[in-house]
């Protein structure tokens, strides 16, 4: 259930719930998406993610692997050669990050329907 309190699972046995920001962030250090890209709330985090081209590349590669019944790019390190997904990354980035249109392009690509 959503609440405004901090509650993060700490990855040590027996996985206690961390309830203070100071447990993982030094006092005075701002939260950030990447080094130098500070965010103070979820809306700013979402905007920072949307503006990061590497996030879009990862999303497209993950969707590609999903469509092709491959392992996951992040969890299983099943990387996709950039040349394979480049046209779909371009479509995603130039098409207002429309994932539905990108997925449709992947599912109608020659690589998918050639069998």
PDB file of N, CA and C in Angstrom:
ATOM      1  N   UNK A   1       0.838  -1.166   0.000  1.00  0.00           N
ATOM      2  CA  UNK A   1       0.000   0.000   0.000  1.00  0.00           C
ATOM      3  C   UNK A   1       0.887   1.234   0.000  1.00  0.00           C
ATOM      4  N   UNK A   2       0.550   2.232  -0.801  1.00  0.00           N
ATOM      5  CA  UNK A   2       1.343   3.443  -0.918  1.00  0.00           C
ATOM      6  C   UNK A   2       1.244   4.282   0.344  1.00  0.00           C
ATOM      7  N   UNK A   3       2.384   4.778   0.781  1.00  0.00           N
ATOM      8  CA  UNK A   3       2.416   5.780   1.837  1.00  0.00           C
ATOM      9  C   UNK A   3       3.636   6.660   1.615  1.00  0.00           C
ATOM     10  N   UNK A   4       3.723   7.748   2.319  1.00  0.00           N
ATOM     11  CA  UNK A   4       4.812   8.693   2.118  1.00  0.00           C
ATOM     12  C   UNK A   4       6.050   8.372   2.930  1.00  0.00           C
ATOM     13  N   UNK A   5       6.042   7.306   3.684  1.00  0.00           N
ATOM     14  CA  UNK A   5       7.188   6.922   4.493  1.00  0.00           C
ATOM     15  C   UNK A   5       8.180   6.126   3.657  1.00  0.00           C
ATOM     16  N   UNK A   6       9.458   6.264   3.969  1.00  0.00           N
ATOM     17  CA  UNK A   6      10.495   5.496   3.291  1.00  0.00           C
ATOM     18  C   UNK A   6      10.447   4.070   3.820  1.00  0.00           C
ATOM     19  N   UNK A   7      10.461   3.098   2.926  1.00  0.00           N
ATOM     20  CA  UNK A   7      10.498   1.695   3.316  1.00  0.00           C
ATOM     21  C   UNK A   7      11.183   0.922   2.202  1.00  0.00           C
ATOM     22  N   UNK A   8      12.436   0.565   2.428  1.00  0.00           N
ATOM     23  CA  UNK A   8      13.231  -0.125   1.412  1.00  0.00           C
ATOM     24  C   UNK A   8      13.767  -1.410   2.014  1.00  0.00           C
ATOM     25  N   UNK A   9      13.658  -2.511   1.281  1.00  0.00           N
ATOM     26  CA  UNK A   9      14.207  -3.773   1.754  1.00  0.00           C
ATOM     27  C   UNK A   9      15.725  -3.689   1.676  1.00  0.00           C
ATOM     28  N   UNK A  10      16.394  -3.985   2.765  1.00  0.00           N
ATOM     29  CA  UNK A  10      17.850  -3.975   2.804  1.00  0.00           C
ATOM     30  C   UNK A  10      18.347  -5.374   2.452  1.00  0.00           C
ATOM     31  N   UNK A  11      19.285  -5.485   1.499  1.00  0.00           N
ATOM     32  CA  UNK A  11      19.697  -6.806   1.006  1.00  0.00           C
ATOM     33  C   UNK A  11      20.680  -7.537   1.932  1.00  0.00           C
ATOM     34  N   UNK A  12      20.339  -7.648   3.194  1.00  0.00           N
ATOM     35  CA  UNK A  12      21.121  -8.446   4.127  1.00  0.00           C
ATOM     36  C   UNK A  12      20.148  -9.302   4.924  1.00  0.00           C
ATOM     37  N   UNK A  13      20.585 -10.465   5.322  1.00  0.00           N
ATOM     38  CA  UNK A  13      19.716 -11.345   6.097  1.00  0.00           C
ATOM     39  C   UNK A  13      19.459 -10.709   7.454  1.00  0.00           C
ATOM     40  N   UNK A  14      18.291 -10.682   7.953  1.00  0.00           N
ATOM     41  CA  UNK A  14      17.036 -11.240   7.462  1.00  0.00           C
ATOM     42  C   UNK A  14      16.201 -10.237   6.664  1.00  0.00           C
ATOM     43  N   UNK A  15      16.817  -9.421   5.852  1.00  0.00           N
ATOM     44  CA  UNK A  15      16.163  -8.429   5.005  1.00  0.00           C
ATOM     45  C   UNK A  15      15.292  -7.451   5.806  1.00  0.00           C
ATOM     46  N   UNK A  16      15.904  -6.684   6.667  1.00  0.00           N
ATOM     47  CA  UNK A  16      15.109  -5.706   7.426  1.00  0.00           C
ATOM     48  C   UNK A  16      14.635  -4.577   6.515  1.00  0.00           C
ATOM     49  N   UNK A  17      13.553  -3.946   6.907  1.00  0.00           N
ATOM     50  CA  UNK A  17      13.026  -2.810   6.155  1.00  0.00           C
ATOM     51  C   UNK A  17      13.724  -1.555   6.656  1.00  0.00           C
ATOM     52  N   UNK A  18      14.386  -0.845   5.752  1.00  0.00           N
ATOM     53  CA  UNK A  18      15.060   0.393   6.087  1.00  0.00           C
ATOM     54  C   UNK A  18      14.043   1.517   6.021  1.00  0.00           C
ATOM     55  N   UNK A  19      13.987   2.318   7.063  1.00  0.00           N
ATOM     56  CA  UNK A  19      12.972   3.364   7.117  1.00  0.00           C
ATOM     57  C   UNK A  19      13.550   4.768   7.159  1.00  0.00           C
ATOM     58  N   UNK A  20      14.869   4.893   7.077  1.00  0.00           N
ATOM     59  CA  UNK A  20      15.490   6.204   7.098  1.00  0.00           C
ATOM     60  C   UNK A  20      16.395   6.364   5.888  1.00  0.00           C
ATOM     61  N   UNK A  21      16.299   7.507   5.246  1.00  0.00           N
ATOM     62  CA  UNK A  21      17.117   7.793   4.075  1.00  0.00           C
ATOM     63  C   UNK A  21      18.598   7.712   4.406  1.00  0.00           C
ATOM     64  N   UNK A  22      18.981   8.062   5.633  1.00  0.00           N
ATOM     65  CA  UNK A  22      20.392   8.056   6.020  1.00  0.00           C
ATOM     66  C   UNK A  22      20.977   6.652   6.078  1.00  0.00           C
ATOM     67  N   UNK A  23      20.160   5.613   5.986  1.00  0.00           N
ATOM     68  CA  UNK A  23      20.676   4.249   5.986  1.00  0.00           C
ATOM     69  C   UNK A  23      21.409   3.917   4.698  1.00  0.00           C
ATOM     70  N   UNK A  24      21.086   4.595   3.593  1.00  0.00           N
ATOM     71  CA  UNK A  24      21.782   4.320   2.332  1.00  0.00           C
ATOM     72  C   UNK A  24      22.295   5.566   1.617  1.00  0.00           C
ATOM     73  N   UNK A  25      22.000   6.750   2.157  1.00  0.00           N
ATOM     74  CA  UNK A  25      22.450   7.985   1.530  1.00  0.00           C
ATOM     75  C   UNK A  25      23.027   8.896   2.601  1.00  0.00           C
ATOM     76  N   UNK A  26      24.267   9.316   2.403  1.00  0.00           N
ATOM     77  CA  UNK A  26      24.919  10.179   3.389  1.00  0.00           C
ATOM     78  C   UNK A  26      24.170  11.500   3.527  1.00  0.00           C
ATOM     79  N   UNK A  27      24.115  12.047   4.722  1.00  0.00           N
ATOM     80  CA  UNK A  27      23.428  13.326   4.926  1.00  0.00           C
ATOM     81  C   UNK A  27      24.018  14.427   4.034  1.00  0.00           C
ATOM     82  N   UNK A  28      23.152  15.223   3.450  1.00  0.00           N
ATOM     83  CA  UNK A  28      23.594  16.314   2.581  1.00  0.00           C
ATOM     84  C   UNK A  28      23.766  15.934   1.128  1.00  0.00           C
ATOM     85  N   UNK A  29      23.729  14.642   0.813  1.00  0.00           N
ATOM     86  CA  UNK A  29      23.858  14.186  -0.572  1.00  0.00           C
ATOM     87  C   UNK A  29      22.464  14.103  -1.180  1.00  0.00           C
ATOM     88  N   UNK A  30      22.298  14.730  -2.338  1.00  0.00           N
ATOM     89  CA  UNK A  30      20.987  14.729  -2.996  1.00  0.00           C
ATOM     90  C   UNK A  30      20.769  13.409  -3.725  1.00  0.00           C
ATOM     91  N   UNK A  31      19.506  13.017  -3.854  1.00  0.00           N
ATOM     92  CA  UNK A  31      19.196  11.835  -4.656  1.00  0.00           C
ATOM     93  C   UNK A  31      19.388  12.180  -6.119  1.00  0.00           C
ATOM     94  N   UNK A  32      19.789  11.189  -6.909  1.00  0.00           N
ATOM     95  CA  UNK A  32      20.091  11.448  -8.315  1.00  0.00           C
ATOM     96  C   UNK A  32      19.817  10.211  -9.149  1.00  0.00           C
ATOM     97  N   UNK A  33      19.523  10.437 -10.430  1.00  0.00           N
ATOM     98  CA  UNK A  33      19.361   9.339 -11.372  1.00  0.00           C
ATOM     99  C   UNK A  33      20.729   8.833 -11.767  1.00  0.00           C
ATOM    100  N   UNK A  34      21.588   9.732 -12.181  1.00  0.00           N
ATOM    101  CA  UNK A  34      22.984   9.430 -12.489  1.00  0.00           C
ATOM    102  C   UNK A  34      23.829  10.526 -11.870  1.00  0.00           C
ATOM    103  N   UNK A  35      25.116  10.345 -11.859  1.00  0.00           N
ATOM    104  CA  UNK A  35      25.999  11.368 -11.310  1.00  0.00           C
ATOM    105  C   UNK A  35      25.765  12.687 -12.042  1.00  0.00           C
ATOM    106  N   UNK A  36      25.370  13.694 -11.291  1.00  0.00           N
ATOM    107  CA  UNK A  36      25.136  15.009 -11.876  1.00  0.00           C
ATOM    108  C   UNK A  36      23.708  15.253 -12.335  1.00  0.00           C
ATOM    109  N   UNK A  37      22.845  14.247 -12.270  1.00  0.00           N
ATOM    110  CA  UNK A  37      21.444  14.406 -12.668  1.00  0.00           C
ATOM    111  C   UNK A  37      20.585  14.226 -11.412  1.00  0.00           C
ATOM    112  N   UNK A  38      20.449  15.304 -10.659  1.00  0.00           N
ATOM    113  CA  UNK A  38      19.711  15.229  -9.405  1.00  0.00           C
ATOM    114  C   UNK A  38      18.210  15.183  -9.641  1.00  0.00           C
ATOM    115  N   UNK A  39      17.526  14.405  -8.821  1.00  0.00           N
ATOM    116  CA  UNK A  39      16.063  14.320  -8.841  1.00  0.00           C
ATOM    117  C   UNK A  39      15.576  14.360  -7.399  1.00  0.00           C
ATOM    118  N   UNK A  40      14.452  15.023  -7.188  1.00  0.00           N
ATOM    119  CA  UNK A  40      13.943  15.124  -5.822  1.00  0.00           C
ATOM    120  C   UNK A  40      12.638  14.361  -5.613  1.00  0.00           C
ATOM    121  N   UNK A  41      12.004  13.920  -6.717  1.00  0.00           N
ATOM    122  CA  UNK A  41      10.760  13.158  -6.574  1.00  0.00           C
ATOM    123  C   UNK A  41      10.602  12.219  -7.767  1.00  0.00           C
ATOM    124  N   UNK A  42       9.550  11.424  -7.744  1.00  0.00           N
ATOM    125  CA  UNK A  42       9.343  10.432  -8.807  1.00  0.00           C
ATOM    126  C   UNK A  42       9.091  11.072 -10.170  1.00  0.00           C
ATOM    127  N   UNK A  43       8.426  12.226 -10.198  1.00  0.00           N
ATOM    128  CA  UNK A  43       8.171  12.900 -11.477  1.00  0.00           C
ATOM    129  C   UNK A  43       9.490  13.326 -12.122  1.00  0.00           C
ATOM    130  N   UNK A  44      10.409  13.849 -11.333  1.00  0.00           N
ATOM    131  CA  UNK A  44      11.714  14.236 -11.874  1.00  0.00           C
ATOM    132  C   UNK A  44      12.518  13.016 -12.291  1.00  0.00           C
ATOM    133  N   UNK A  45      12.393  11.925 -11.551  1.00  0.00           N
ATOM    134  CA  UNK A  45      13.071  10.689 -11.940  1.00  0.00           C
ATOM    135  C   UNK A  45      12.545  10.199 -13.279  1.00  0.00           C
ATOM    136  N   UNK A  46      11.226  10.209 -13.451  1.00  0.00           N
ATOM    137  CA  UNK A  46      10.634   9.792 -14.720  1.00  0.00           C
ATOM    138  C   UNK A  46      11.101  10.656 -15.876  1.00  0.00           C
ATOM    139  N   UNK A  47      11.183  11.948 -15.659  1.00  0.00           N
ATOM    140  CA  UNK A  47      11.657  12.863 -16.701  1.00  0.00           C
ATOM    141  C   UNK A  47      13.117  12.584 -17.032  1.00  0.00           C
ATOM    142  N   UNK A  48      13.933  12.351 -16.012  1.00  0.00           N
ATOM    143  CA  UNK A  48      15.353  12.052 -16.242  1.00  0.00           C
ATOM    144  C   UNK A  48      15.511  10.745 -17.002  1.00  0.00           C
ATOM    145  N   UNK A  49      14.704   9.742 -16.668  1.00  0.00           N
ATOM    146  CA  UNK A  49      14.752   8.463 -17.391  1.00  0.00           C
ATOM    147  C   UNK A  49      14.344   8.644 -18.847  1.00  0.00           C
ATOM    148  N   UNK A  50      13.296   9.434 -19.080  1.00  0.00           N
ATOM    149  CA  UNK A  50      12.807   9.656 -20.444  1.00  0.00           C
ATOM    150  C   UNK A  50      13.833  10.393 -21.292  1.00  0.00           C
ATOM    151  N   UNK A  51      14.638  11.236 -20.684  1.00  0.00           N
ATOM    152  CA  UNK A  51      15.623  12.013 -21.435  1.00  0.00           C
ATOM    153  C   UNK A  51      16.932  11.268 -21.650  1.00  0.00           C
ATOM    154  N   UNK A  52      17.122  10.143 -20.991  1.00  0.00           N
ATOM    155  CA  UNK A  52      18.367   9.382 -21.106  1.00  0.00           C
ATOM    156  C   UNK A  52      18.270   8.414 -22.278  1.00  0.00           C
ATOM    157  N   UNK A  53      19.063   8.614 -23.343  1.00  0.00           N
ATOM    158  CA  UNK A  53      18.956   7.729 -24.515  1.00  0.00           C
ATOM    159  C   UNK A  53      19.334   6.284 -24.218  1.00  0.00           C
ATOM    160  N   UNK A  54      20.175   6.040 -23.221  1.00  0.00           N
ATOM    161  CA  UNK A  54      20.558   4.667 -22.901  1.00  0.00           C
ATOM    162  C   UNK A  54      19.390   3.885 -22.310  1.00  0.00           C
ATOM    163  N   UNK A  55      18.478   4.556 -21.648  1.00  0.00           N
ATOM    164  CA  UNK A  55      17.300   3.884 -21.108  1.00  0.00           C
ATOM    165  C   UNK A  55      16.437   3.392 -22.267  1.00  0.00           C
ATOM    166  N   UNK A  56      16.233   4.245 -23.272  1.00  0.00           N
ATOM    167  CA  UNK A  56      15.461   3.840 -24.450  1.00  0.00           C
ATOM    168  C   UNK A  56      16.096   2.675 -25.182  1.00  0.00           C
ATOM    169  N   UNK A  57      17.408   2.700 -25.305  1.00  0.00           N
ATOM    170  CA  UNK A  57      18.112   1.597 -25.959  1.00  0.00           C
ATOM    171  C   UNK A  57      17.911   0.295 -25.189  1.00  0.00           C
ATOM    172  N   UNK A  58      17.960   0.375 -23.875  1.00  0.00           N
ATOM    173  CA  UNK A  58      17.760  -0.815 -23.046  1.00  0.00           C
ATOM    174  C   UNK A  58      16.329  -1.331 -23.177  1.00  0.00           C
ATOM    175  N   UNK A  59      15.364  -0.419 -23.173  1.00  0.00           N
ATOM    176  CA  UNK A  59      13.953  -0.811 -23.299  1.00  0.00           C
ATOM    177  C   UNK A  59      13.734  -1.549 -24.614  1.00  0.00           C
ATOM    178  N   UNK A  60      14.242  -0.994 -25.703  1.00  0.00           N
ATOM    179  CA  UNK A  60      14.051  -1.612 -27.014  1.00  0.00           C
ATOM    180  C   UNK A  60      14.745  -2.971 -27.075  1.00  0.00           C
ATOM    181  N   UNK A  61      15.950  -3.072 -26.535  1.00  0.00           N
ATOM    182  CA  UNK A  61      16.658  -4.353 -26.538  1.00  0.00           C
ATOM    183  C   UNK A  61      15.904  -5.397 -25.719  1.00  0.00           C
ATOM    184  N   UNK A  62      15.318  -4.980 -24.601  1.00  0.00           N
ATOM    185  CA  UNK A  62      14.556  -5.922 -23.775  1.00  0.00           C
ATOM    186  C   UNK A  62      13.291  -6.378 -24.503  1.00  0.00           C
ATOM    187  N   UNK A  63      12.617  -5.446 -25.175  1.00  0.00           N
ATOM    188  CA  UNK A  63      11.414  -5.801 -25.924  1.00  0.00           C
ATOM    189  C   UNK A  63      11.776  -6.728 -27.086  1.00  0.00           C
ATOM    190  N   UNK A  64      12.897  -6.444 -27.733  1.00  0.00           N
ATOM    191  CA  UNK A  64      13.370  -7.301 -28.840  1.00  0.00           C
ATOM    192  C   UNK A  64      13.584  -8.727 -28.334  1.00  0.00           C
ATOM    193  N   UNK A  65      14.312  -8.873 -27.237  1.00  0.00           N
ATOM    194  CA  UNK A  65      14.563 -10.207 -26.699  1.00  0.00           C
ATOM    195  C   UNK A  65      13.278 -10.891 -26.263  1.00  0.00           C
ATOM    196  N   UNK A  66      12.352 -10.132 -25.693  1.00  0.00           N
ATOM    197  CA  UNK A  66      11.061 -10.696 -25.311  1.00  0.00           C
ATOM    198  C   UNK A  66      10.330 -11.224 -26.544  1.00  0.00           C
ATOM    199  N   UNK A  67      10.288 -10.417 -27.596  1.00  0.00           N
ATOM    200  CA  UNK A  67       9.576 -10.824 -28.817  1.00  0.00           C
ATOM    201  C   UNK A  67      10.222 -12.038 -29.462  1.00  0.00           C
ATOM    202  N   UNK A  68      11.535 -12.151 -29.363  1.00  0.00           N
ATOM    203  CA  UNK A  68      12.257 -13.255 -29.987  1.00  0.00           C
ATOM    204  C   UNK A  68      12.456 -14.445 -29.039  1.00  0.00           C
ATOM    205  N   UNK A  69      11.778 -14.415 -27.895  1.00  0.00           N
ATOM    206  CA  UNK A  69      11.855 -15.486 -26.886  1.00  0.00           C
ATOM    207  C   UNK A  69      13.284 -15.730 -26.411  1.00  0.00           C
ATOM    208  N   UNK A  70      14.014 -14.653 -26.239  1.00  0.00           N
ATOM    209  CA  UNK A  70      15.386 -14.737 -25.725  1.00  0.00           C
ATOM    210  C   UNK A  70      15.381 -14.393 -24.244  1.00  0.00           C
ATOM    211  N   UNK A  71      16.504 -14.611 -23.606  1.00  0.00           N
ATOM    212  CA  UNK A  71      16.650 -14.251 -22.196  1.00  0.00           C
ATOM    213  C   UNK A  71      16.659 -12.732 -22.050  1.00  0.00           C
ATOM    214  N   UNK A  72      16.540 -12.259 -20.818  1.00  0.00           N
ATOM    215  CA  UNK A  72      16.456 -10.826 -20.550  1.00  0.00           C
ATOM    216  C   UNK A  72      17.824 -10.157 -20.644  1.00  0.00           C
ATOM    217  N   UNK A  73      17.836  -8.945 -21.172  1.00  0.00           N
ATOM    218  CA  UNK A  73      19.064  -8.181 -21.352  1.00  0.00           C
ATOM    219  C   UNK A  73      19.680  -7.820 -20.004  1.00  0.00           C
ATOM    220  N   UNK A  74      18.869  -7.417 -19.048  1.00  0.00           N
ATOM    221  CA  UNK A  74      19.384  -6.962 -17.762  1.00  0.00           C
ATOM    222  C   UNK A  74      19.621  -8.136 -16.815  1.00  0.00           C
ATOM    223  N   UNK A  75      18.603  -8.916 -16.579  1.00  0.00           N
ATOM    224  CA  UNK A  75      18.684  -9.990 -15.587  1.00  0.00           C
ATOM    225  C   UNK A  75      19.650 -11.094 -16.014  1.00  0.00           C
ATOM    226  N   UNK A  76      19.608 -11.485 -17.274  1.00  0.00           N
ATOM    227  CA  UNK A  76      20.401 -12.617 -17.750  1.00  0.00           C
ATOM    228  C   UNK A  76      21.619 -12.203 -18.583  1.00  0.00           C
ATOM    229  N   UNK A  77      21.802 -10.905 -18.769  1.00  0.00           N
ATOM    230  CA  UNK A  77      22.911 -10.365 -19.578  1.00  0.00           C
ATOM    231  C   UNK A  77      22.908 -10.919 -21.004  1.00  0.00           C
ATOM    232  N   UNK A  78      21.719 -11.142 -21.546  1.00  0.00           N
ATOM    233  CA  UNK A  78      21.574 -11.637 -22.919  1.00  0.00           C
ATOM    234  C   UNK A  78      21.586 -10.444 -23.867  1.00  0.00           C
ATOM    235  N   UNK A  79      22.767  -9.927 -24.144  1.00  0.00           N
ATOM    236  CA  UNK A  79      22.885  -8.717 -24.938  1.00  0.00           C
ATOM    237  C   UNK A  79      22.508  -8.961 -26.397  1.00  0.00           C
ATOM    238  N   UNK A  80      22.073  -7.901 -27.034  1.00  0.00           N
ATOM    239  CA  UNK A  80      21.695  -7.931 -28.442  1.00  0.00           C
ATOM    240  C   UNK A  80      22.687  -7.034 -29.182  1.00  0.00           C
ATOM    241  N   UNK A  81      23.250  -7.495 -30.303  1.00  0.00           N
ATOM    242  CA  UNK A  81      24.136  -6.612 -31.059  1.00  0.00           C
ATOM    243  C   UNK A  81      23.399  -5.325 -31.438  1.00  0.00           C
ATOM    244  N   UNK A  82      24.072  -4.195 -31.236  1.00  0.00           N
ATOM    245  CA  UNK A  82      23.432  -2.900 -31.471  1.00  0.00           C
ATOM    246  C   UNK A  82      22.913  -2.781 -32.898  1.00  0.00           C
ATOM    247  N   UNK A  83      23.621  -3.327 -33.859  1.00  0.00           N
ATOM    248  CA  UNK A  83      23.190  -3.251 -35.250  1.00  0.00           C
ATOM    249  C   UNK A  83      21.853  -3.932 -35.503  1.00  0.00           C
ATOM    250  N   UNK A  84      21.532  -4.925 -34.701  1.00  0.00           N
ATOM    251  CA  UNK A  84      20.267  -5.652 -34.867  1.00  0.00           C
ATOM    252  C   UNK A  84      19.085  -4.785 -34.451  1.00  0.00           C
ATOM    253  N   UNK A  85      19.229  -4.071 -33.358  1.00  0.00           N
ATOM    254  CA  UNK A  85      18.107  -3.297 -32.838  1.00  0.00           C
ATOM    255  C   UNK A  85      18.171  -1.809 -33.201  1.00  0.00           C
ATOM    256  N   UNK A  86      19.221  -1.387 -33.889  1.00  0.00           N
ATOM    257  CA  UNK A  86      19.378   0.042 -34.226  1.00  0.00           C
ATOM    258  C   UNK A  86      18.153   0.640 -34.906  1.00  0.00           C
ATOM    259  N   UNK A  87      17.557  -0.016 -35.926  1.00  0.00           N
ATOM    260  CA  UNK A  87      16.377   0.597 -36.561  1.00  0.00           C
ATOM    261  C   UNK A  87      15.204   0.772 -35.595  1.00  0.00           C
ATOM    262  N   UNK A  88      15.064  -0.147 -34.673  1.00  0.00           N
ATOM    263  CA  UNK A  88      13.964  -0.062 -33.712  1.00  0.00           C
ATOM    264  C   UNK A  88      14.242   0.994 -32.642  1.00  0.00           C
ATOM    265  N   UNK A  89      15.505   1.145 -32.274  1.00  0.00           N
ATOM    266  CA  UNK A  89      15.880   2.207 -31.341  1.00  0.00           C
ATOM    267  C   UNK A  89      15.603   3.560 -31.977  1.00  0.00           C
ATOM    268  N   UNK A  90      15.975   3.708 -33.245  1.00  0.00           N
ATOM    269  CA  UNK A  90      15.725   4.961 -33.966  1.00  0.00           C
ATOM    270  C   UNK A  90      14.228   5.245 -34.015  1.00  0.00           C
ATOM    271  N   UNK A  91      13.433   4.218 -34.323  1.00  0.00           N
ATOM    272  CA  UNK A  91      11.978   4.388 -34.378  1.00  0.00           C
ATOM    273  C   UNK A  91      11.436   4.809 -33.018  1.00  0.00           C
ATOM    274  N   UNK A  92      11.933   4.190 -31.965  1.00  0.00           N
ATOM    275  CA  UNK A  92      11.486   4.516 -30.614  1.00  0.00           C
ATOM    276  C   UNK A  92      11.832   5.961 -30.258  1.00  0.00           C
ATOM    277  N   UNK A  93      13.059   6.370 -30.558  1.00  0.00           N
ATOM    278  CA  UNK A  93      13.515   7.709 -30.187  1.00  0.00           C
ATOM    279  C   UNK A  93      12.886   8.800 -31.039  1.00  0.00           C
ATOM    280  N   UNK A  94      12.634   8.526 -32.308  1.00  0.00           N
ATOM    281  CA  UNK A  94      12.045   9.546 -33.180  1.00  0.00           C
ATOM    282  C   UNK A  94      10.520   9.506 -33.169  1.00  0.00           C
ATOM    283  N   UNK A  95       9.945   8.473 -32.616  1.00  0.00           N
ATOM    284  CA  UNK A  95       8.494   8.322 -32.580  1.00  0.00           C
ATOM    285  C   UNK A  95       7.899   8.640 -31.233  1.00  0.00           C
ATOM    286  N   UNK A  96       8.420   9.638 -30.555  1.00  0.00           N
ATOM    287  CA  UNK A  96       7.903  10.072 -29.247  1.00  0.00           C
ATOM    288  C   UNK A  96       7.941   8.955 -28.211  1.00  0.00           C
ATOM    289  N   UNK A  97       8.910   8.073 -28.319  1.00  0.00           N
ATOM    290  CA  UNK A  97       9.083   6.945 -27.395  1.00  0.00           C
ATOM    291  C   UNK A  97       7.816   6.104 -27.285  1.00  0.00           C
ATOM    292  N   UNK A  98       7.198   5.854 -28.427  1.00  0.00           N
ATOM    293  CA  UNK A  98       5.973   5.062 -28.478  1.00  0.00           C
ATOM    294  C   UNK A  98       6.357   3.580 -28.480  1.00  0.00           C
ATOM    295  N   UNK A  99       6.291   2.952 -27.314  1.00  0.00           N
ATOM    296  CA  UNK A  99       6.704   1.556 -27.191  1.00  0.00           C
ATOM    297  C   UNK A  99       5.773   0.617 -27.948  1.00  0.00           C
ATOM    298  N   UNK A 100       4.494   0.941 -28.000  1.00  0.00           N
ATOM    299  CA  UNK A 100       3.538   0.098 -28.717  1.00  0.00           C
ATOM    300  C   UNK A 100       3.885   0.051 -30.208  1.00  0.00           C
ATOM    301  N   UNK A 101       4.203   1.198 -30.800  1.00  0.00           N
ATOM    302  CA  UNK A 101       4.581   1.240 -32.214  1.00  0.00           C
ATOM    303  C   UNK A 101       5.903   0.521 -32.444  1.00  0.00           C
ATOM    304  N   UNK A 102       6.815   0.646 -31.498  1.00  0.00           N
ATOM    305  CA  UNK A 102       8.108  -0.037 -31.620  1.00  0.00           C
ATOM    306  C   UNK A 102       7.921  -1.547 -31.532  1.00  0.00           C
ATOM    307  N   UNK A 103       7.088  -1.994 -30.610  1.00  0.00           N
ATOM    308  CA  UNK A 103       6.806  -3.430 -30.502  1.00  0.00           C
ATOM    309  C   UNK A 103       6.142  -3.945 -31.771  1.00  0.00           C
ATOM    310  N   UNK A 104       5.233  -3.180 -32.332  1.00  0.00           N
ATOM    311  CA  UNK A 104       4.589  -3.578 -33.588  1.00  0.00           C
ATOM    312  C   UNK A 104       5.624  -3.710 -34.705  1.00  0.00           C
ATOM    313  N   UNK A 105       6.568  -2.767 -34.753  1.00  0.00           N
ATOM    314  CA  UNK A 105       7.621  -2.820 -35.772  1.00  0.00           C
ATOM    315  C   UNK A 105       8.501  -4.055 -35.581  1.00  0.00           C
ATOM    316  N   UNK A 106       8.789  -4.400 -34.345  1.00  0.00           N
ATOM    317  CA  UNK A 106       9.595  -5.596 -34.071  1.00  0.00           C
ATOM    318  C   UNK A 106       8.839  -6.849 -34.490  1.00  0.00           C
ATOM    319  N   UNK A 107       7.548  -6.912 -34.153  1.00  0.00           N
ATOM    320  CA  UNK A 107       6.753  -8.112 -34.458  1.00  0.00           C
ATOM    321  C   UNK A 107       6.426  -8.253 -35.939  1.00  0.00           C
ATOM    322  N   UNK A 108       6.571  -7.184 -36.690  1.00  0.00           N
ATOM    323  CA  UNK A 108       6.338  -7.268 -38.143  1.00  0.00           C
ATOM    324  C   UNK A 108       7.637  -7.201 -38.934  1.00  0.00           C
ATOM    325  N   UNK A 109       8.769  -7.195 -38.243  1.00  0.00           N
ATOM    326  CA  UNK A 109      10.067  -7.132 -38.925  1.00  0.00           C
ATOM    327  C   UNK A 109      10.375  -8.460 -39.598  1.00  0.00           C
ATOM    328  N   UNK A 110      11.261  -8.423 -40.564  1.00  0.00           N
ATOM    329  CA  UNK A 110      11.664  -9.638 -41.278  1.00  0.00           C
ATOM    330  C   UNK A 110      12.291 -10.649 -40.317  1.00  0.00           C
ATOM    331  N   UNK A 111      12.998 -10.188 -39.310  1.00  0.00           N
ATOM    332  CA  UNK A 111      13.616 -11.103 -38.347  1.00  0.00           C
ATOM    333  C   UNK A 111      12.573 -11.919 -37.589  1.00  0.00           C
ATOM    334  N   UNK A 112      11.401 -11.334 -37.367  1.00  0.00           N
ATOM    335  CA  UNK A 112      10.367 -12.031 -36.610  1.00  0.00           C
ATOM    336  C   UNK A 112       9.514 -12.927 -37.505  1.00  0.00           C
ATOM    337  N   UNK A 113       9.158 -12.465 -38.700  1.00  0.00           N
ATOM    338  CA  UNK A 113       8.211 -13.208 -39.550  1.00  0.00           C
ATOM    339  C   UNK A 113       8.891 -14.088 -40.590  1.00  0.00           C
ATOM    340  N   UNK A 114      10.194 -14.080 -40.643  1.00  0.00           N
ATOM    341  CA  UNK A 114      10.917 -14.819 -41.674  1.00  0.00           C
ATOM    342  C   UNK A 114      10.858 -16.318 -41.518  1.00  0.00           C
ATOM    343  N   UNK A 115      10.479 -16.830 -40.385  1.00  0.00           N
ATOM    344  CA  UNK A 115      10.467 -18.276 -40.172  1.00  0.00           C
ATOM    345  C   UNK A 115       9.541 -18.890 -41.153  1.00  0.00           C
TER     346      UNK A 115
END
